[in-house]
Amino acid sequence: MLGATQSTFKMWERIEAVVPRHELAAAIAALFELTPPLDSDAEAWRAMLVNRFGTVRPFLRLLVKVPTS
């Protein structure tokens, strides 16, 4: 179990080198606000997503940037 703890610690170190933990937590909270509840109608959610795609499309490249360090 110690190895898993060390791996988790190292993972957080790498994440926090890119973004502070409080900013990451705020981003995750925003995602939960923008996505439907887990028990909602999936078809209605897909329709809403299609309507929002034009708004988020310019930012998609920023979301897939992978840190190399």
PDB file of N, CA and C in Angstrom:
ATOM      1  N   MET A   1       0.821  -1.195   0.000  1.00  0.00           N
ATOM      2  CA  MET A   1       0.000   0.000   0.000  1.00  0.00           C
ATOM      3  C   MET A   1       0.863   1.257   0.000  1.00  0.00           C
ATOM      4  N   LEU A   2       2.047   1.173   0.563  1.00  0.00           N
ATOM      5  CA  LEU A   2       2.937   2.327   0.608  1.00  0.00           C
ATOM      6  C   LEU A   2       3.298   2.800  -0.799  1.00  0.00           C
ATOM      7  N   GLY A   3       3.493   1.868  -1.720  1.00  0.00           N
ATOM      8  CA  GLY A   3       3.824   2.220  -3.096  1.00  0.00           C
ATOM      9  C   GLY A   3       2.711   3.021  -3.747  1.00  0.00           C
ATOM     10  N   ALA A   4       1.468   2.642  -3.511  1.00  0.00           N
ATOM     11  CA  ALA A   4       0.336   3.381  -4.064  1.00  0.00           C
ATOM     12  C   ALA A   4       0.269   4.785  -3.485  1.00  0.00           C
ATOM     13  N   THR A   5       0.565   4.922  -2.207  1.00  0.00           N
ATOM     14  CA  THR A   5       0.567   6.238  -1.556  1.00  0.00           C
ATOM     15  C   THR A   5       1.651   7.121  -2.152  1.00  0.00           C
ATOM     16  N   GLN A   6       2.819   6.556  -2.367  1.00  0.00           N
ATOM     17  CA  GLN A   6       3.910   7.315  -2.962  1.00  0.00           C
ATOM     18  C   GLN A   6       3.570   7.724  -4.397  1.00  0.00           C
ATOM     19  N   SER A   7       2.958   6.822  -5.147  1.00  0.00           N
ATOM     20  CA  SER A   7       2.569   7.131  -6.522  1.00  0.00           C
ATOM     21  C   SER A   7       1.537   8.247  -6.548  1.00  0.00           C
ATOM     22  N   THR A   8       0.587   8.213  -5.633  1.00  0.00           N
ATOM     23  CA  THR A   8      -0.429   9.263  -5.553  1.00  0.00           C
ATOM     24  C   THR A   8       0.218  10.597  -5.201  1.00  0.00           C
ATOM     25  N   PHE A   9       1.147  10.573  -4.279  1.00  0.00           N
ATOM     26  CA  PHE A   9       1.847  11.794  -3.892  1.00  0.00           C
ATOM     27  C   PHE A   9       2.614  12.377  -5.078  1.00  0.00           C
ATOM     28  N   LYS A  10       3.309  11.526  -5.816  1.00  0.00           N
ATOM     29  CA  LYS A  10       4.058  11.985  -6.988  1.00  0.00           C
ATOM     30  C   LYS A  10       3.122  12.511  -8.066  1.00  0.00           C
ATOM     31  N   MET A  11       1.978  11.859  -8.232  1.00  0.00           N
ATOM     32  CA  MET A  11       1.004  12.328  -9.212  1.00  0.00           C
ATOM     33  C   MET A  11       0.543  13.734  -8.860  1.00  0.00           C
ATOM     34  N   TRP A  12       0.205  13.972  -7.579  1.00  0.00           N
ATOM     35  CA  TRP A  12      -0.234  15.309  -7.153  1.00  0.00           C
ATOM     36  C   TRP A  12       0.881  16.342  -7.317  1.00  0.00           C
ATOM     37  N   GLU A  13       2.113  15.963  -7.076  1.00  0.00           N
ATOM     38  CA  GLU A  13       3.236  16.877  -7.286  1.00  0.00           C
ATOM     39  C   GLU A  13       3.295  17.326  -8.742  1.00  0.00           C
ATOM     40  N   ARG A  14       3.113  16.383  -9.660  1.00  0.00           N
ATOM     41  CA  ARG A  14       3.159  16.711 -11.095  1.00  0.00           C
ATOM     42  C   ARG A  14       1.976  17.566 -11.502  1.00  0.00           C
ATOM     43  N   ILE A  15       0.808  17.255 -10.976  1.00  0.00           N
ATOM     44  CA  ILE A  15      -0.385  18.056 -11.292  1.00  0.00           C
ATOM     45  C   ILE A  15      -0.207  19.472 -10.767  1.00  0.00           C
ATOM     46  N   GLU A  16       0.233  19.600  -9.519  1.00  0.00           N
ATOM     47  CA  GLU A  16       0.373  20.926  -8.899  1.00  0.00           C
ATOM     48  C   GLU A  16       1.512  21.738  -9.519  1.00  0.00           C
ATOM     49  N   ALA A  17       2.402  21.100 -10.240  1.00  0.00           N
ATOM     50  CA  ALA A  17       3.434  21.838 -10.960  1.00  0.00           C
ATOM     51  C   ALA A  17       2.823  22.586 -12.153  1.00  0.00           C
ATOM     52  N   VAL A  18       1.652  22.130 -12.593  1.00  0.00           N
ATOM     53  CA  VAL A  18       0.974  22.738 -13.737  1.00  0.00           C
ATOM     54  C   VAL A  18      -0.154  23.666 -13.288  1.00  0.00           C
ATOM     55  N   VAL A  19      -0.915  23.229 -12.299  1.00  0.00           N
ATOM     56  CA  VAL A  19      -2.063  24.008 -11.824  1.00  0.00           C
ATOM     57  C   VAL A  19      -2.196  23.833 -10.313  1.00  0.00           C
ATOM     58  N   PRO A  20      -2.421  24.921  -9.579  1.00  0.00           N
ATOM     59  CA  PRO A  20      -2.614  24.795  -8.132  1.00  0.00           C
ATOM     60  C   PRO A  20      -3.862  23.963  -7.816  1.00  0.00           C
ATOM     61  N   ARG A  21      -3.819  23.262  -6.707  1.00  0.00           N
ATOM     62  CA  ARG A  21      -4.915  22.365  -6.337  1.00  0.00           C
ATOM     63  C   ARG A  21      -6.249  23.102  -6.224  1.00  0.00           C
ATOM     64  N   HIS A  22      -6.243  24.335  -5.691  1.00  0.00           N
ATOM     65  CA  HIS A  22      -7.509  25.060  -5.546  1.00  0.00           C
ATOM     66  C   HIS A  22      -8.106  25.428  -6.906  1.00  0.00           C
ATOM     67  N   GLU A  23      -7.252  25.693  -7.905  1.00  0.00           N
ATOM     68  CA  GLU A  23      -7.763  25.981  -9.247  1.00  0.00           C
ATOM     69  C   GLU A  23      -8.335  24.718  -9.883  1.00  0.00           C
ATOM     70  N   LEU A  24      -7.676  23.602  -9.667  1.00  0.00           N
ATOM     71  CA  LEU A  24      -8.181  22.335 -10.185  1.00  0.00           C
ATOM     72  C   LEU A  24      -9.523  22.002  -9.545  1.00  0.00           C
ATOM     73  N   ALA A  25      -9.637  22.199  -8.234  1.00  0.00           N
ATOM     74  CA  ALA A  25     -10.901  21.933  -7.541  1.00  0.00           C
ATOM     75  C   ALA A  25     -12.013  22.832  -8.079  1.00  0.00           C
ATOM     76  N   ALA A  26     -11.700  24.094  -8.358  1.00  0.00           N
ATOM     77  CA  ALA A  26     -12.699  25.015  -8.907  1.00  0.00           C
ATOM     78  C   ALA A  26     -13.126  24.572 -10.307  1.00  0.00           C
ATOM     79  N   ALA A  27     -12.177  24.104 -11.104  1.00  0.00           N
ATOM     80  CA  ALA A  27     -12.503  23.632 -12.447  1.00  0.00           C
ATOM     81  C   ALA A  27     -13.398  22.399 -12.400  1.00  0.00           C
ATOM     82  N   ILE A  28     -13.109  21.495 -11.484  1.00  0.00           N
ATOM     83  CA  ILE A  28     -13.937  20.291 -11.337  1.00  0.00           C
ATOM     84  C   ILE A  28     -15.339  20.669 -10.868  1.00  0.00           C
ATOM     85  N   ALA A  29     -15.426  21.608  -9.939  1.00  0.00           N
ATOM     86  CA  ALA A  29     -16.743  22.061  -9.477  1.00  0.00           C
ATOM     87  C   ALA A  29     -17.531  22.671 -10.630  1.00  0.00           C
ATOM     88  N   ALA A  30     -16.853  23.440 -11.492  1.00  0.00           N
ATOM     89  CA  ALA A  30     -17.523  24.034 -12.656  1.00  0.00           C
ATOM     90  C   ALA A  30     -18.032  22.951 -13.600  1.00  0.00           C
ATOM     91  N   LEU A  31     -17.256  21.885 -13.770  1.00  0.00           N
ATOM     92  CA  LEU A  31     -17.707  20.777 -14.618  1.00  0.00           C
ATOM     93  C   LEU A  31     -18.989  20.153 -14.075  1.00  0.00           C
ATOM     94  N   PHE A  32     -19.035  19.979 -12.769  1.00  0.00           N
ATOM     95  CA  PHE A  32     -20.234  19.398 -12.176  1.00  0.00           C
ATOM     96  C   PHE A  32     -21.443  20.315 -12.338  1.00  0.00           C
ATOM     97  N   GLU A  33     -21.205  21.622 -12.354  1.00  0.00           N
ATOM     98  CA  GLU A  33     -22.302  22.559 -12.571  1.00  0.00           C
ATOM     99  C   GLU A  33     -22.796  22.519 -14.010  1.00  0.00           C
ATOM    100  N   LEU A  34     -21.902  22.219 -14.947  1.00  0.00           N
ATOM    101  CA  LEU A  34     -22.240  22.237 -16.364  1.00  0.00           C
ATOM    102  C   LEU A  34     -22.770  20.907 -16.889  1.00  0.00           C
ATOM    103  N   THR A  35     -22.560  19.856 -16.140  1.00  0.00           N
ATOM    104  CA  THR A  35     -23.027  18.543 -16.589  1.00  0.00           C
ATOM    105  C   THR A  35     -24.287  18.153 -15.830  1.00  0.00           C
ATOM    106  N   PRO A  36     -25.115  17.342 -16.459  1.00  0.00           N
ATOM    107  CA  PRO A  36     -26.365  16.949 -15.809  1.00  0.00           C
ATOM    108  C   PRO A  36     -26.124  15.944 -14.690  1.00  0.00           C
ATOM    109  N   PRO A  37     -27.084  15.817 -13.799  1.00  0.00           N
ATOM    110  CA  PRO A  37     -26.969  14.790 -12.750  1.00  0.00           C
ATOM    111  C   PRO A  37     -26.841  13.401 -13.373  1.00  0.00           C
ATOM    112  N   LEU A  38     -26.210  12.496 -12.676  1.00  0.00           N
ATOM    113  CA  LEU A  38     -25.994  11.150 -13.203  1.00  0.00           C
ATOM    114  C   LEU A  38     -27.297  10.417 -13.513  1.00  0.00           C
ATOM    115  N   ASP A  39     -28.364  10.756 -12.817  1.00  0.00           N
ATOM    116  CA  ASP A  39     -29.627  10.055 -13.031  1.00  0.00           C
ATOM    117  C   ASP A  39     -30.537  10.769 -14.039  1.00  0.00           C
ATOM    118  N   SER A  40     -29.998  11.719 -14.810  1.00  0.00           N
ATOM    119  CA  SER A  40     -30.819  12.472 -15.752  1.00  0.00           C
ATOM    120  C   SER A  40     -30.974  11.728 -17.075  1.00  0.00           C
ATOM    121  N   ASP A  41     -31.812  12.263 -17.932  1.00  0.00           N
ATOM    122  CA  ASP A  41     -32.097  11.694 -19.248  1.00  0.00           C
ATOM    123  C   ASP A  41     -30.892  11.919 -20.171  1.00  0.00           C
ATOM    124  N   ALA A  42     -30.250  10.852 -20.585  1.00  0.00           N
ATOM    125  CA  ALA A  42     -29.038  10.950 -21.401  1.00  0.00           C
ATOM    126  C   ALA A  42     -29.324  11.576 -22.758  1.00  0.00           C
ATOM    127  N   GLU A  43     -30.448  11.288 -23.353  1.00  0.00           N
ATOM    128  CA  GLU A  43     -30.771  11.839 -24.675  1.00  0.00           C
ATOM    129  C   GLU A  43     -30.932  13.360 -24.612  1.00  0.00           C
ATOM    130  N   ALA A  44     -31.593  13.851 -23.592  1.00  0.00           N
ATOM    131  CA  ALA A  44     -31.757  15.299 -23.431  1.00  0.00           C
ATOM    132  C   ALA A  44     -30.400  15.958 -23.198  1.00  0.00           C
ATOM    133  N   TRP A  45     -29.533  15.288 -22.454  1.00  0.00           N
ATOM    134  CA  TRP A  45     -28.202  15.835 -22.209  1.00  0.00           C
ATOM    135  C   TRP A  45     -27.398  15.924 -23.502  1.00  0.00           C
ATOM    136  N   ARG A  46     -27.495  14.898 -24.340  1.00  0.00           N
ATOM    137  CA  ARG A  46     -26.773  14.932 -25.614  1.00  0.00           C
ATOM    138  C   ARG A  46     -27.252  16.090 -26.483  1.00  0.00           C
ATOM    139  N   ALA A  47     -28.553  16.333 -26.507  1.00  0.00           N
ATOM    140  CA  ALA A  47     -29.103  17.443 -27.295  1.00  0.00           C
ATOM    141  C   ALA A  47     -28.568  18.777 -26.765  1.00  0.00           C
ATOM    142  N   MET A  48     -28.511  18.931 -25.454  1.00  0.00           N
ATOM    143  CA  MET A  48     -27.989  20.151 -24.854  1.00  0.00           C
ATOM    144  C   MET A  48     -26.494  20.303 -25.195  1.00  0.00           C
ATOM    145  N   LEU A  49     -25.768  19.213 -25.186  1.00  0.00           N
ATOM    146  CA  LEU A  49     -24.341  19.234 -25.493  1.00  0.00           C
ATOM    147  C   LEU A  49     -24.104  19.696 -26.927  1.00  0.00           C
ATOM    148  N   VAL A  50     -24.898  19.203 -27.847  1.00  0.00           N
ATOM    149  CA  VAL A  50     -24.767  19.617 -29.246  1.00  0.00           C
ATOM    150  C   VAL A  50     -24.995  21.118 -29.372  1.00  0.00           C
ATOM    151  N   ASN A  51     -25.960  21.649 -28.637  1.00  0.00           N
ATOM    152  CA  ASN A  51     -26.229  23.084 -28.675  1.00  0.00           C
ATOM    153  C   ASN A  51     -25.079  23.902 -28.097  1.00  0.00           C
ATOM    154  N   ARG A  52     -24.357  23.366 -27.135  1.00  0.00           N
ATOM    155  CA  ARG A  52     -23.252  24.085 -26.488  1.00  0.00           C
ATOM    156  C   ARG A  52     -21.920  23.904 -27.207  1.00  0.00           C
ATOM    157  N   PHE A  53     -21.840  22.977 -28.133  1.00  0.00           N
ATOM    158  CA  PHE A  53     -20.570  22.656 -28.776  1.00  0.00           C
ATOM    159  C   PHE A  53     -19.928  23.872 -29.435  1.00  0.00           C
ATOM    160  N   GLY A  54     -20.714  24.686 -30.098  1.00  0.00           N
ATOM    161  CA  GLY A  54     -20.174  25.869 -30.752  1.00  0.00           C
ATOM    162  C   GLY A  54     -19.506  26.823 -29.780  1.00  0.00           C
ATOM    163  N   THR A  55     -20.003  26.858 -28.561  1.00  0.00           N
ATOM    164  CA  THR A  55     -19.433  27.740 -27.539  1.00  0.00           C
ATOM    165  C   THR A  55     -18.079  27.230 -27.054  1.00  0.00           C
ATOM    166  N   VAL A  56     -17.962  25.938 -26.860  1.00  0.00           N
ATOM    167  CA  VAL A  56     -16.734  25.385 -26.284  1.00  0.00           C
ATOM    168  C   VAL A  56     -15.693  24.982 -27.325  1.00  0.00           C
ATOM    169  N   ARG A  57     -16.098  24.873 -28.571  1.00  0.00           N
ATOM    170  CA  ARG A  57     -15.184  24.403 -29.614  1.00  0.00           C
ATOM    171  C   ARG A  57     -13.856  25.159 -29.648  1.00  0.00           C
ATOM    172  N   PRO A  58     -13.840  26.491 -29.565  1.00  0.00           N
ATOM    173  CA  PRO A  58     -12.552  27.195 -29.612  1.00  0.00           C
ATOM    174  C   PRO A  58     -11.592  26.830 -28.466  1.00  0.00           C
ATOM    175  N   PHE A  59     -12.116  26.303 -27.383  1.00  0.00           N
ATOM    176  CA  PHE A  59     -11.290  26.004 -26.212  1.00  0.00           C
ATOM    177  C   PHE A  59     -10.830  24.546 -26.144  1.00  0.00           C
ATOM    178  N   LEU A  60     -11.307  23.716 -27.043  1.00  0.00           N
ATOM    179  CA  LEU A  60     -10.996  22.287 -26.968  1.00  0.00           C
ATOM    180  C   LEU A  60      -9.503  21.999 -27.072  1.00  0.00           C
ATOM    181  N   ARG A  61      -8.786  22.738 -27.892  1.00  0.00           N
ATOM    182  CA  ARG A  61      -7.334  22.507 -28.001  1.00  0.00           C
ATOM    183  C   ARG A  61      -6.632  22.742 -26.669  1.00  0.00           C
ATOM    184  N   LEU A  62      -7.124  23.699 -25.905  1.00  0.00           N
ATOM    185  CA  LEU A  62      -6.517  23.978 -24.601  1.00  0.00           C
ATOM    186  C   LEU A  62      -6.742  22.841 -23.619  1.00  0.00           C
ATOM    187  N   LEU A  63      -7.846  22.139 -23.772  1.00  0.00           N
ATOM    188  CA  LEU A  63      -8.185  21.059 -22.842  1.00  0.00           C
ATOM    189  C   LEU A  63      -7.349  19.811 -23.048  1.00  0.00           C
ATOM    190  N   VAL A  64      -6.786  19.641 -24.214  1.00  0.00           N
ATOM    191  CA  VAL A  64      -6.034  18.416 -24.478  1.00  0.00           C
ATOM    192  C   VAL A  64      -4.526  18.594 -24.399  1.00  0.00           C
ATOM    193  N   LYS A  65      -4.078  19.760 -23.922  1.00  0.00           N
ATOM    194  CA  LYS A  65      -2.636  19.958 -23.769  1.00  0.00           C
ATOM    195  C   LYS A  65      -2.127  19.057 -22.646  1.00  0.00           C
ATOM    196  N   VAL A  66      -1.102  18.308 -22.943  1.00  0.00           N
ATOM    197  CA  VAL A  66      -0.538  17.364 -21.981  1.00  0.00           C
ATOM    198  C   VAL A  66       0.831  17.879 -21.544  1.00  0.00           C
ATOM    199  N   PRO A  67       1.031  18.065 -20.242  1.00  0.00           N
ATOM    200  CA  PRO A  67       2.357  18.490 -19.780  1.00  0.00           C
ATOM    201  C   PRO A  67       3.394  17.409 -20.053  1.00  0.00           C
ATOM    202  N   THR A  68       4.575  17.820 -20.453  1.00  0.00           N
ATOM    203  CA  THR A  68       5.624  16.850 -20.766  1.00  0.00           C
ATOM    204  C   THR A  68       6.603  16.647 -19.634  1.00  0.00           C
ATOM    205  N   SER A  69       6.567  17.492 -18.629  1.00  0.00           N
ATOM    206  CA  SER A  69       7.541  17.319 -17.535  1.00  0.00           C
ATOM    207  C   SER A  69       6.986  16.512 -16.401  1.00  0.00           C
TER     208      SER A  69
END
